[in-house]
Amino acid sequence: MSTNDYVKFVTQQIVSYIDQPKEVRKATRQQRKEELPPLSNRWFGVMPLAVQLMFKKNKKGES
């Protein structure tokens, strides 16, 4: 991809984003935020889930 093609592509993307109504931009931004995994999983991977499950298992055994 040449530099001119790349500049043309980026310009098209920016113009299409700016042409959208503000409500549509907010809705897509909110949808992307909802699709993200929880913060603890993004930062530390599966370890928080494993620890959480371990503590749940121990609590069930004590009851």
PDB file of N, CA and C in Angstrom:
ATOM      1  N   MET A   1       0.850  -1.168   0.000  1.00  0.00           N
ATOM      2  CA  MET A   1       0.000   0.000   0.000  1.00  0.00           C
ATOM      3  C   MET A   1       0.899   1.236   0.000  1.00  0.00           C
ATOM      4  N   SER A   2       0.676   2.085  -0.956  1.00  0.00           N
ATOM      5  CA  SER A   2       1.506   3.280  -1.040  1.00  0.00           C
ATOM      6  C   SER A   2       1.017   4.323  -0.037  1.00  0.00           C
ATOM      7  N   THR A   3       1.822   5.330   0.143  1.00  0.00           N
ATOM      8  CA  THR A   3       1.494   6.385   1.109  1.00  0.00           C
ATOM      9  C   THR A   3       0.232   7.121   0.697  1.00  0.00           C
ATOM     10  N   ASN A   4       0.071   7.383  -0.590  1.00  0.00           N
ATOM     11  CA  ASN A   4      -1.127   8.080  -1.061  1.00  0.00           C
ATOM     12  C   ASN A   4      -2.395   7.277  -0.790  1.00  0.00           C
ATOM     13  N   ASP A   5      -2.323   5.960  -0.993  1.00  0.00           N
ATOM     14  CA  ASP A   5      -3.473   5.108  -0.710  1.00  0.00           C
ATOM     15  C   ASP A   5      -3.828   5.149   0.772  1.00  0.00           C
ATOM     16  N   TYR A   6      -2.814   5.114   1.611  1.00  0.00           N
ATOM     17  CA  TYR A   6      -3.037   5.138   3.054  1.00  0.00           C
ATOM     18  C   TYR A   6      -3.659   6.461   3.493  1.00  0.00           C
ATOM     19  N   VAL A   7      -3.157   7.563   2.986  1.00  0.00           N
ATOM     20  CA  VAL A   7      -3.701   8.882   3.324  1.00  0.00           C
ATOM     21  C   VAL A   7      -5.149   8.979   2.852  1.00  0.00           C
ATOM     22  N   LYS A   8      -5.427   8.455   1.673  1.00  0.00           N
ATOM     23  CA  LYS A   8      -6.793   8.469   1.147  1.00  0.00           C
ATOM     24  C   LYS A   8      -7.722   7.653   2.039  1.00  0.00           C
ATOM     25  N   PHE A   9      -7.281   6.480   2.463  1.00  0.00           N
ATOM     26  CA  PHE A   9      -8.081   5.623   3.339  1.00  0.00           C
ATOM     27  C   PHE A   9      -8.369   6.310   4.673  1.00  0.00           C
ATOM     28  N   VAL A  10      -7.345   6.872   5.289  1.00  0.00           N
ATOM     29  CA  VAL A  10      -7.512   7.543   6.580  1.00  0.00           C
ATOM     30  C   VAL A  10      -8.455   8.730   6.439  1.00  0.00           C
ATOM     31  N   THR A  11      -8.310   9.485   5.379  1.00  0.00           N
ATOM     32  CA  THR A  11      -9.180  10.631   5.143  1.00  0.00           C
ATOM     33  C   THR A  11     -10.630  10.188   4.985  1.00  0.00           C
ATOM     34  N   GLN A  12     -10.863   9.107   4.256  1.00  0.00           N
ATOM     35  CA  GLN A  12     -12.221   8.597   4.096  1.00  0.00           C
ATOM     36  C   GLN A  12     -12.812   8.161   5.428  1.00  0.00           C
ATOM     37  N   GLN A  13     -12.011   7.515   6.257  1.00  0.00           N
ATOM     38  CA  GLN A  13     -12.499   7.069   7.553  1.00  0.00           C
ATOM     39  C   GLN A  13     -12.858   8.257   8.450  1.00  0.00           C
ATOM     40  N   ILE A  14     -12.033   9.271   8.452  1.00  0.00           N
ATOM     41  CA  ILE A  14     -12.288  10.458   9.272  1.00  0.00           C
ATOM     42  C   ILE A  14     -13.545  11.176   8.799  1.00  0.00           C
ATOM     43  N   VAL A  15     -13.682  11.342   7.488  1.00  0.00           N
ATOM     44  CA  VAL A  15     -14.851  12.036   6.951  1.00  0.00           C
ATOM     45  C   VAL A  15     -16.128  11.250   7.250  1.00  0.00           C
ATOM     46  N   SER A  16     -16.086   9.934   7.119  1.00  0.00           N
ATOM     47  CA  SER A  16     -17.285   9.141   7.414  1.00  0.00           C
ATOM     48  C   SER A  16     -17.634   9.214   8.897  1.00  0.00           C
ATOM     49  N   TYR A  17     -16.644   9.293   9.764  1.00  0.00           N
ATOM     50  CA  TYR A  17     -16.889   9.423  11.198  1.00  0.00           C
ATOM     51  C   TYR A  17     -17.505  10.785  11.515  1.00  0.00           C
ATOM     52  N   ILE A  18     -16.987  11.836  10.914  1.00  0.00           N
ATOM     53  CA  ILE A  18     -17.482  13.181  11.180  1.00  0.00           C
ATOM     54  C   ILE A  18     -18.895  13.362  10.623  1.00  0.00           C
ATOM     55  N   ASP A  19     -19.215  12.698   9.519  1.00  0.00           N
ATOM     56  CA  ASP A  19     -20.539  12.824   8.909  1.00  0.00           C
ATOM     57  C   ASP A  19     -21.640  12.142   9.716  1.00  0.00           C
ATOM     58  N   GLN A  20     -21.291  11.228  10.619  1.00  0.00           N
ATOM     59  CA  GLN A  20     -22.297  10.555  11.432  1.00  0.00           C
ATOM     60  C   GLN A  20     -22.893  11.530  12.446  1.00  0.00           C
ATOM     61  N   PRO A  21     -24.175  11.364  12.757  1.00  0.00           N
ATOM     62  CA  PRO A  21     -24.764  12.193  13.810  1.00  0.00           C
ATOM     63  C   PRO A  21     -24.115  11.886  15.167  1.00  0.00           C
ATOM     64  N   LYS A  22     -24.176  12.858  16.057  1.00  0.00           N
ATOM     65  CA  LYS A  22     -23.526  12.722  17.356  1.00  0.00           C
ATOM     66  C   LYS A  22     -24.107  11.549  18.149  1.00  0.00           C
ATOM     67  N   GLU A  23     -25.409  11.315  18.039  1.00  0.00           N
ATOM     68  CA  GLU A  23     -26.046  10.219  18.784  1.00  0.00           C
ATOM     69  C   GLU A  23     -25.525   8.867  18.327  1.00  0.00           C
ATOM     70  N   VAL A  24     -25.302   8.724  17.029  1.00  0.00           N
ATOM     71  CA  VAL A  24     -24.797   7.458  16.490  1.00  0.00           C
ATOM     72  C   VAL A  24     -23.377   7.215  16.986  1.00  0.00           C
ATOM     73  N   ARG A  25     -22.560   8.265  17.003  1.00  0.00           N
ATOM     74  CA  ARG A  25     -21.180   8.118  17.501  1.00  0.00           C
ATOM     75  C   ARG A  25     -21.179   7.721  18.965  1.00  0.00           C
ATOM     76  N   LYS A  26     -22.050   8.348  19.770  1.00  0.00           N
ATOM     77  CA  LYS A  26     -22.125   8.001  21.188  1.00  0.00           C
ATOM     78  C   LYS A  26     -22.596   6.566  21.372  1.00  0.00           C
ATOM     79  N   ALA A  27     -23.571   6.136  20.574  1.00  0.00           N
ATOM     80  CA  ALA A  27     -24.097   4.779  20.695  1.00  0.00           C
ATOM     81  C   ALA A  27     -23.028   3.747  20.349  1.00  0.00           C
ATOM     82  N   THR A  28     -22.275   3.982  19.282  1.00  0.00           N
ATOM     83  CA  THR A  28     -21.231   3.015  18.923  1.00  0.00           C
ATOM     84  C   THR A  28     -20.124   2.985  19.963  1.00  0.00           C
ATOM     85  N   ARG A  29     -19.787   4.146  20.522  1.00  0.00           N
ATOM     86  CA  ARG A  29     -18.762   4.196  21.560  1.00  0.00           C
ATOM     87  C   ARG A  29     -19.217   3.434  22.804  1.00  0.00           C
ATOM     88  N   GLN A  30     -20.495   3.600  23.187  1.00  0.00           N
ATOM     89  CA  GLN A  30     -21.034   2.892  24.344  1.00  0.00           C
ATOM     90  C   GLN A  30     -21.073   1.393  24.090  1.00  0.00           C
ATOM     91  N   GLN A  31     -21.423   0.993  22.874  1.00  0.00           N
ATOM     92  CA  GLN A  31     -21.468  -0.427  22.541  1.00  0.00           C
ATOM     93  C   GLN A  31     -20.074  -1.046  22.637  1.00  0.00           C
ATOM     94  N   ARG A  32     -19.050  -0.340  22.164  1.00  0.00           N
ATOM     95  CA  ARG A  32     -17.682  -0.858  22.261  1.00  0.00           C
ATOM     96  C   ARG A  32     -17.251  -0.995  23.710  1.00  0.00           C
ATOM     97  N   LYS A  33     -17.648  -0.054  24.562  1.00  0.00           N
ATOM     98  CA  LYS A  33     -17.301  -0.135  25.978  1.00  0.00           C
ATOM     99  C   LYS A  33     -17.948  -1.335  26.640  1.00  0.00           C
ATOM    100  N   GLU A  34     -19.203  -1.634  26.266  1.00  0.00           N
ATOM    101  CA  GLU A  34     -19.906  -2.764  26.862  1.00  0.00           C
ATOM    102  C   GLU A  34     -19.307  -4.095  26.429  1.00  0.00           C
ATOM    103  N   GLU A  35     -18.711  -4.160  25.250  1.00  0.00           N
ATOM    104  CA  GLU A  35     -18.140  -5.401  24.743  1.00  0.00           C
ATOM    105  C   GLU A  35     -16.793  -5.733  25.380  1.00  0.00           C
ATOM    106  N   LEU A  36     -16.161  -4.765  26.044  1.00  0.00           N
ATOM    107  CA  LEU A  36     -14.865  -5.015  26.660  1.00  0.00           C
ATOM    108  C   LEU A  36     -14.998  -5.964  27.847  1.00  0.00           C
ATOM    109  N   PRO A  37     -14.023  -6.831  28.063  1.00  0.00           N
ATOM    110  CA  PRO A  37     -14.059  -7.686  29.246  1.00  0.00           C
ATOM    111  C   PRO A  37     -13.845  -6.837  30.506  1.00  0.00           C
ATOM    112  N   PRO A  38     -14.157  -7.379  31.678  1.00  0.00           N
ATOM    113  CA  PRO A  38     -13.960  -6.615  32.911  1.00  0.00           C
ATOM    114  C   PRO A  38     -12.508  -6.147  33.060  1.00  0.00           C
ATOM    115  N   LEU A  39     -12.331  -5.071  33.782  1.00  0.00           N
ATOM    116  CA  LEU A  39     -11.021  -4.454  33.937  1.00  0.00           C
ATOM    117  C   LEU A  39     -10.000  -5.424  34.538  1.00  0.00           C
ATOM    118  N   SER A  40     -10.414  -6.192  35.531  1.00  0.00           N
ATOM    119  CA  SER A  40      -9.465  -7.127  36.146  1.00  0.00           C
ATOM    120  C   SER A  40      -8.980  -8.169  35.147  1.00  0.00           C
ATOM    121  N   ASN A  41      -9.850  -8.624  34.256  1.00  0.00           N
ATOM    122  CA  ASN A  41      -9.438  -9.608  33.244  1.00  0.00           C
ATOM    123  C   ASN A  41      -8.525  -8.989  32.200  1.00  0.00           C
ATOM    124  N   ARG A  42      -8.796  -7.736  31.835  1.00  0.00           N
ATOM    125  CA  ARG A  42      -7.935  -7.085  30.844  1.00  0.00           C
ATOM    126  C   ARG A  42      -6.538  -6.886  31.400  1.00  0.00           C
ATOM    127  N   TRP A  43      -6.423  -6.561  32.672  1.00  0.00           N
ATOM    128  CA  TRP A  43      -5.111  -6.265  33.244  1.00  0.00           C
ATOM    129  C   TRP A  43      -4.359  -7.523  33.655  1.00  0.00           C
ATOM    130  N   PHE A  44      -5.047  -8.497  34.231  1.00  0.00           N
ATOM    131  CA  PHE A  44      -4.363  -9.639  34.827  1.00  0.00           C
ATOM    132  C   PHE A  44      -4.709 -10.978  34.200  1.00  0.00           C
ATOM    133  N   GLY A  45      -5.549 -11.005  33.192  1.00  0.00           N
ATOM    134  CA  GLY A  45      -5.882 -12.252  32.524  1.00  0.00           C
ATOM    135  C   GLY A  45      -6.880 -13.081  33.310  1.00  0.00           C
ATOM    136  N   VAL A  46      -6.671 -14.389  33.342  1.00  0.00           N
ATOM    137  CA  VAL A  46      -7.629 -15.312  33.933  1.00  0.00           C
ATOM    138  C   VAL A  46      -7.378 -15.504  35.433  1.00  0.00           C
ATOM    139  N   MET A  47      -6.286 -15.018  35.948  1.00  0.00           N
ATOM    140  CA  MET A  47      -5.952 -15.246  37.358  1.00  0.00           C
ATOM    141  C   MET A  47      -7.026 -14.740  38.324  1.00  0.00           C
ATOM    142  N   PRO A  48      -7.599 -13.543  38.169  1.00  0.00           N
ATOM    143  CA  PRO A  48      -8.653 -13.125  39.102  1.00  0.00           C
ATOM    144  C   PRO A  48      -9.854 -14.070  39.100  1.00  0.00           C
ATOM    145  N   LEU A  49     -10.214 -14.586  37.925  1.00  0.00           N
ATOM    146  CA  LEU A  49     -11.316 -15.532  37.839  1.00  0.00           C
ATOM    147  C   LEU A  49     -10.975 -16.814  38.591  1.00  0.00           C
ATOM    148  N   ALA A  50      -9.762 -17.305  38.449  1.00  0.00           N
ATOM    149  CA  ALA A  50      -9.347 -18.526  39.131  1.00  0.00           C
ATOM    150  C   ALA A  50      -9.383 -18.343  40.645  1.00  0.00           C
ATOM    151  N   VAL A  51      -8.915 -17.204  41.119  1.00  0.00           N
ATOM    152  CA  VAL A  51      -8.925 -16.934  42.563  1.00  0.00           C
ATOM    153  C   VAL A  51     -10.361 -16.825  43.062  1.00  0.00           C
ATOM    154  N   GLN A  52     -11.205 -16.158  42.294  1.00  0.00           N
ATOM    155  CA  GLN A  52     -12.605 -16.007  42.680  1.00  0.00           C
ATOM    156  C   GLN A  52     -13.286 -17.372  42.775  1.00  0.00           C
ATOM    157  N   LEU A  53     -13.062 -18.225  41.802  1.00  0.00           N
ATOM    158  CA  LEU A  53     -13.657 -19.558  41.825  1.00  0.00           C
ATOM    159  C   LEU A  53     -13.124 -20.380  42.990  1.00  0.00           C
ATOM    160  N   MET A  54     -11.850 -20.209  43.324  1.00  0.00           N
ATOM    161  CA  MET A  54     -11.266 -20.939  44.440  1.00  0.00           C
ATOM    162  C   MET A  54     -11.944 -20.538  45.755  1.00  0.00           C
ATOM    163  N   PHE A  55     -12.160 -19.231  45.928  1.00  0.00           N
ATOM    164  CA  PHE A  55     -12.816 -18.785  47.161  1.00  0.00           C
ATOM    165  C   PHE A  55     -14.276 -19.211  47.213  1.00  0.00           C
ATOM    166  N   LYS A  56     -14.975 -19.210  46.090  1.00  0.00           N
ATOM    167  CA  LYS A  56     -16.344 -19.676  46.062  1.00  0.00           C
ATOM    168  C   LYS A  56     -16.425 -21.153  46.451  1.00  0.00           C
ATOM    169  N   LYS A  57     -15.478 -21.929  45.950  1.00  0.00           N
ATOM    170  CA  LYS A  57     -15.471 -23.362  46.241  1.00  0.00           C
ATOM    171  C   LYS A  57     -15.232 -23.589  47.733  1.00  0.00           C
ATOM    172  N   ASN A  58     -14.316 -22.801  48.321  1.00  0.00           N
ATOM    173  CA  ASN A  58     -14.044 -22.936  49.748  1.00  0.00           C
ATOM    174  C   ASN A  58     -15.245 -22.525  50.588  1.00  0.00           C
ATOM    175  N   LYS A  59     -15.983 -21.488  50.187  1.00  0.00           N
ATOM    176  CA  LYS A  59     -17.159 -21.053  50.941  1.00  0.00           C
ATOM    177  C   LYS A  59     -18.252 -22.098  50.896  1.00  0.00           C
ATOM    178  N   LYS A  60     -18.445 -22.770  49.762  1.00  0.00           N
ATOM    179  CA  LYS A  60     -19.467 -23.806  49.656  1.00  0.00           C
ATOM    180  C   LYS A  60     -19.123 -24.984  50.563  1.00  0.00           C
ATOM    181  N   GLY A  61     -17.868 -25.303  50.693  1.00  0.00           N
ATOM    182  CA  GLY A  61     -17.439 -26.408  51.535  1.00  0.00           C
ATOM    183  C   GLY A  61     -17.633 -26.117  53.019  1.00  0.00           C
ATOM    184  N   GLU A  62     -17.553 -24.843  53.422  1.00  0.00           N
ATOM    185  CA  GLU A  62     -17.698 -24.479  54.827  1.00  0.00           C
ATOM    186  C   GLU A  62     -19.149 -24.469  55.256  1.00  0.00           C
ATOM    187  N   SER A  63     -20.083 -24.195  54.352  1.00  0.00           N
ATOM    188  CA  SER A  63     -21.500 -24.054  54.725  1.00  0.00           C
ATOM    189  C   SER A  63     -22.119 -25.337  55.147  1.00  0.00           C
TER     190      SER A  63
END
